[in-house]
C-alpha atoms as a PDB file:
ATOM      1  CA  MET A   1       0.276  91.957  72.108  1.00  0.00           C
ATOM      2  CA  GLU A   2       2.682  94.863  72.396  1.00  0.00           C
ATOM      3  CA  MET A   3       3.310  96.787  69.197  1.00  0.00           C
ATOM      4  CA  ASP A   4       6.743  97.498  67.792  1.00  0.00           C
ATOM      5  CA  THR A   5       7.608 101.191  67.753  1.00  0.00           C
ATOM      6  CA  LEU A   6       9.009 102.788  64.635  1.00  0.00           C
ATOM      7  CA  VAL A   7      10.356 106.356  64.715  1.00  0.00           C
ATOM      8  CA  ILE A   8      10.257 108.486  61.585  1.00  0.00           C
ATOM      9  CA  SER A   9      12.197 111.714  61.255  1.00  0.00           C
ATOM     10  CA  LEU A  10      10.046 113.401  58.620  1.00  0.00           C
ATOM     11  CA  GLY A  11      11.932 116.210  56.922  1.00  0.00           C
ATOM     12  CA  GLY A  12      10.086 119.491  56.683  1.00  0.00           C
ATOM     13  CA  SER A  13      11.126 119.907  53.053  1.00  0.00           C
ATOM     14  CA  ILE A  14       9.261 116.705  52.234  1.00  0.00           C
ATOM     15  CA  ILE A  15       6.131 118.023  53.942  1.00  0.00           C
ATOM     16  CA  VAL A  16       6.440 121.429  52.260  1.00  0.00           C
ATOM     17  CA  PRO A  17       8.932 121.322  49.360  1.00  0.00           C
ATOM     18  CA  GLY A  18       7.525 124.627  48.071  1.00  0.00           C
ATOM     19  CA  GLU A  19       3.841 124.276  48.685  1.00  0.00           C
ATOM     20  CA  ILE A  20       2.332 121.724  51.058  1.00  0.00           C
ATOM     21  CA  ASP A  21       2.717 118.339  49.338  1.00  0.00           C
ATOM     22  CA  LYS A  22      -0.838 117.063  49.781  1.00  0.00           C
ATOM     23  CA  VAL A  23      -0.238 114.073  47.486  1.00  0.00           C
ATOM     24  CA  PHE A  24       2.709 112.896  49.600  1.00  0.00           C
ATOM     25  CA  LEU A  25       0.896 113.507  52.889  1.00  0.00           C
ATOM     26  CA  LYS A  26      -2.156 111.568  51.730  1.00  0.00           C
ATOM     27  CA  LYS A  27      -0.004 108.570  50.678  1.00  0.00           C
ATOM     28  CA  PHE A  28       2.089 108.805  53.854  1.00  0.00           C
ATOM     29  CA  ARG A  29      -1.076 108.768  55.971  1.00  0.00           C
ATOM     30  CA  GLU A  30      -2.465 105.757  54.086  1.00  0.00           C
ATOM     31  CA  ILE A  31       0.747 103.768  54.590  1.00  0.00           C
ATOM     32  CA  ILE A  32       0.959 104.547  58.309  1.00  0.00           C
ATOM     33  CA  LEU A  33      -2.694 103.672  58.902  1.00  0.00           C
ATOM     34  CA  ARG A  34      -2.347 100.421  56.958  1.00  0.00           C
ATOM     35  CA  LEU A  35       0.439  99.194  59.281  1.00  0.00           C
ATOM     36  CA  GLU A  36      -1.913  98.460  62.169  1.00  0.00           C
ATOM     37  CA  GLN A  37       0.551  96.424  64.249  1.00  0.00           C
ATOM     38  CA  THR A  38       3.092  99.248  64.512  1.00  0.00           C
ATOM     39  CA  ARG A  39       3.209 102.301  66.740  1.00  0.00           C
ATOM     40  CA  PHE A  40       4.677 105.363  65.055  1.00  0.00           C
ATOM     41  CA  MET A  41       6.498 108.330  66.504  1.00  0.00           C
ATOM     42  CA  ILE A  42       6.815 110.886  63.717  1.00  0.00           C
ATOM     43  CA  ILE A  43       9.148 113.814  64.385  1.00  0.00           C
ATOM     44  CA  CYS A  44       8.629 116.673  61.927  1.00  0.00           C
ATOM     45  CA  GLY A  45      11.373 118.962  60.696  1.00  0.00           C
ATOM     46  CA  GLY A  46      11.165 122.602  59.688  1.00  0.00           C
ATOM     47  CA  GLY A  47      12.400 122.386  56.112  1.00  0.00           C
ATOM     48  CA  LYS A  48      11.849 125.112  53.563  1.00  0.00           C
ATOM     49  CA  ILE A  49       9.505 127.127  55.791  1.00  0.00           C
ATOM     50  CA  CYS A  50      12.276 127.253  58.372  1.00  0.00           C
ATOM     51  CA  ARG A  51      14.915 128.320  55.829  1.00  0.00           C
ATOM     52  CA  ASN A  52      12.670 130.994  54.304  1.00  0.00           C
ATOM     53  CA  TYR A  53      11.968 132.588  57.678  1.00  0.00           C
ATOM     54  CA  GLN A  54      15.566 132.315  58.873  1.00  0.00           C
ATOM     55  CA  ASN A  55      16.881 133.840  55.650  1.00  0.00           C
ATOM     56  CA  ALA A  56      14.383 136.701  55.853  1.00  0.00           C
ATOM     57  CA  ALA A  57      15.420 137.463  59.435  1.00  0.00           C
ATOM     58  CA  LYS A  58      19.127 137.447  58.484  1.00  0.00           C
ATOM     59  CA  GLU A  59      18.512 139.775  55.530  1.00  0.00           C
ATOM     60  CA  ILE A  60      16.695 142.281  57.733  1.00  0.00           C
ATOM     61  CA  ALA A  61      18.977 142.340  60.775  1.00  0.00           C
ATOM     62  CA  GLU A  62      21.813 140.624  62.588  1.00  0.00           C
ATOM     63  CA  VAL A  63      19.987 137.772  64.295  1.00  0.00           C
ATOM     64  CA  SER A  64      21.437 135.522  66.987  1.00  0.00           C
ATOM     65  CA  LYS A  65      21.937 131.818  66.370  1.00  0.00           C
ATOM     66  CA  GLU A  66      19.505 131.121  69.210  1.00  0.00           C
ATOM     67  CA  ASP A  67      16.828 133.306  67.587  1.00  0.00           C
ATOM     68  CA  LEU A  68      17.371 131.500  64.284  1.00  0.00           C
ATOM     69  CA  ASP A  69      16.974 128.202  66.136  1.00  0.00           C
ATOM     70  CA  TRP A  70      13.677 129.395  67.651  1.00  0.00           C
ATOM     71  CA  ILE A  71      12.427 130.303  64.180  1.00  0.00           C
ATOM     72  CA  GLY A  72      13.315 126.774  63.077  1.00  0.00           C
ATOM     73  CA  ILE A  73      11.637 125.207  66.094  1.00  0.00           C
ATOM     74  CA  SER A  74       8.470 127.184  65.381  1.00  0.00           C
ATOM     75  CA  ALA A  75       8.490 125.889  61.801  1.00  0.00           C
ATOM     76  CA  THR A  76       8.677 122.315  63.102  1.00  0.00           C
ATOM     77  CA  TRP A  77       5.659 122.992  65.323  1.00  0.00           C
ATOM     78  CA  LEU A  78       3.627 124.214  62.351  1.00  0.00           C
ATOM     79  CA  ASN A  79       4.566 121.188  60.231  1.00  0.00           C
ATOM     80  CA  ALA A  80       3.872 118.834  63.142  1.00  0.00           C
ATOM     81  CA  GLU A  81       0.397 120.289  63.726  1.00  0.00           C
ATOM     82  CA  LEU A  82      -0.412 119.726  60.062  1.00  0.00           C
ATOM     83  CA  VAL A  83       0.767 116.105  60.216  1.00  0.00           C
ATOM     84  CA  ARG A  84      -1.017 115.461  63.539  1.00  0.00           C
ATOM     85  CA  SER A  85      -4.267 116.829  62.154  1.00  0.00           C
ATOM     86  CA  ILE A  86      -4.339 114.487  59.147  1.00  0.00           C
ATOM     87  CA  PHE A  87      -4.269 111.443  61.445  1.00  0.00           C
ATOM     88  CA  GLY A  88      -7.326 112.611  63.391  1.00  0.00           C
ATOM     89  CA  GLU A  89      -8.418 110.183  66.111  1.00  0.00           C
ATOM     90  CA  GLU A  90      -5.509 107.838  65.350  1.00  0.00           C
ATOM     91  CA  ALA A  91      -3.009 110.386  66.685  1.00  0.00           C
ATOM     92  CA  HIS A  92      -2.204 111.567  70.185  1.00  0.00           C
ATOM     93  CA  GLU A  93      -4.138 114.805  70.663  1.00  0.00           C
ATOM     94  CA  LYS A  94      -1.074 117.013  71.206  1.00  0.00           C
ATOM     95  CA  VAL A  95       2.222 117.451  69.422  1.00  0.00           C
ATOM     96  CA  ILE A  96       5.106 116.440  71.685  1.00  0.00           C
ATOM     97  CA  HIS A  97       7.459 119.388  72.074  1.00  0.00           C
ATOM     98  CA  ASP A  98       9.571 118.175  74.995  1.00  0.00           C
ATOM     99  CA  PRO A  99      10.967 114.671  74.422  1.00  0.00           C
ATOM    100  CA  HIS A 100      11.540 114.299  78.176  1.00  0.00           C
ATOM    101  CA  ASP A 101       7.831 114.655  78.986  1.00  0.00           C
ATOM    102  CA  GLN A 102       5.902 111.587  80.034  1.00  0.00           C
ATOM    103  CA  ILE A 103       4.069 110.383  76.941  1.00  0.00           C
ATOM    104  CA  ASP A 104       1.054 108.507  78.190  1.00  0.00           C
ATOM    105  CA  SER A 105      -0.971 107.631  75.143  1.00  0.00           C
ATOM    106  CA  SER A 106      -2.658 104.550  73.804  1.00  0.00           C
ATOM    107  CA  LYS A 107      -2.707 106.087  70.323  1.00  0.00           C
ATOM    108  CA  ARG A 108      -0.699 104.416  67.574  1.00  0.00           C
ATOM    109  CA  VAL A 109       0.531 107.682  66.090  1.00  0.00           C
ATOM    110  CA  ILE A 110       2.449 110.247  68.123  1.00  0.00           C
ATOM    111  CA  ILE A 111       3.746 113.410  66.478  1.00  0.00           C
ATOM    112  CA  GLY A 112       6.739 115.372  67.746  1.00  0.00           C
ATOM    113  CA  ALA A 113       8.536 118.573  66.804  1.00  0.00           C
ATOM    114  CA  GLY A 114      11.570 120.673  67.698  1.00  0.00           C
ATOM    115  CA  PHE A 115      12.338 121.331  71.321  1.00  0.00           C
ATOM    116  CA  GLU A 116      15.285 123.556  72.164  1.00  0.00           C
ATOM    117  CA  PRO A 117      17.932 125.673  70.446  1.00  0.00           C
ATOM    118  CA  GLY A 118      21.126 123.871  69.500  1.00  0.00           C
ATOM    119  CA  SER A 119      19.414 120.617  68.596  1.00  0.00           C
ATOM    120  CA  SER A 120      17.791 119.092  65.535  1.00  0.00           C
ATOM    121  CA  THR A 121      14.674 117.045  64.952  1.00  0.00           C
ATOM    122  CA  ASP A 122      16.911 114.270  63.575  1.00  0.00           C
ATOM    123  CA  LEU A 123      18.644 114.119  66.961  1.00  0.00           C
ATOM    124  CA  ARG A 124      15.279 114.190  68.772  1.00  0.00           C
ATOM    125  CA  ALA A 125      14.072 111.262  66.671  1.00  0.00           C
ATOM    126  CA  VAL A 126      17.093 109.165  67.649  1.00  0.00           C
ATOM    127  CA  GLN A 127      16.715 110.114  71.325  1.00  0.00           C
ATOM    128  CA  LEU A 128      13.038 109.120  71.312  1.00  0.00           C
ATOM    129  CA  ALA A 129      13.860 105.871  69.514  1.00  0.00           C
ATOM    130  CA  LYS A 130      16.342 104.988  72.220  1.00  0.00           C
ATOM    131  CA  ARG A 131      13.984 106.027  75.024  1.00  0.00           C
ATOM    132  CA  PHE A 132      11.056 103.968  73.693  1.00  0.00           C
ATOM    133  CA  GLY A 133      13.032 100.991  72.389  1.00  0.00           C
ATOM    134  CA  ALA A 134      12.107 101.562  68.763  1.00  0.00           C
ATOM    135  CA  VAL A 135      12.938  98.742  66.390  1.00  0.00           C
ATOM    136  CA  ARG A 136      13.979 101.187  63.687  1.00  0.00           C
ATOM    137  CA  VAL A 137      14.511 104.867  62.890  1.00  0.00           C
ATOM    138  CA  ILE A 138      13.693 106.057  59.394  1.00  0.00           C
ATOM    139  CA  ASN A 139      15.053 109.402  58.246  1.00  0.00           C
ATOM    140  CA  MET A 140      12.816 110.658  55.438  1.00  0.00           C
ATOM    141  CA  SER A 141      14.609 113.528  53.811  1.00  0.00           C
ATOM    142  CA  ASN A 142      15.534 115.129  50.547  1.00  0.00           C
ATOM    143  CA  ILE A 143      19.006 116.037  51.823  1.00  0.00           C
ATOM    144  CA  ASP A 144      22.071 113.798  51.947  1.00  0.00           C
ATOM    145  CA  TYR A 145      23.009 114.300  55.596  1.00  0.00           C
ATOM    146  CA  VAL A 146      21.569 114.363  59.109  1.00  0.00           C
ATOM    147  CA  TYR A 147      21.442 117.660  60.988  1.00  0.00           C
ATOM    148  CA  SER A 148      23.295 117.274  64.276  1.00  0.00           C
ATOM    149  CA  ALA A 149      22.367 120.725  65.599  1.00  0.00           C
END
């Protein structure tokens, strides 16, 4: 039986609202693992780590928008590695950075992150949902809007 795919855009500020939210991550992991008939693609945002680093760069020097985007992308990679690691053997062994790459995995949990300047992880989540025929996209966030770029 083929599993339904559900894509979650997991906001970085939920993962790390100030400090790493271990209570949330533990509950999130338990819920995902309990839903055994669903395949999950979880795309992690940069959140507060991203904003802290971007703000520091802007306070020190005039930084290009592209450089600020790369700082943000790097923050998504860090958050995604944390989330991937908590799923252990249940997760695909590598974080997906390029949504166009062939994703050949039998694992139920696949973790993704930012990819290129001028784009957001919210957009990447929707693109992956469309590509893999996801039944639903869930945007888990503590903000009231979706980043378009």
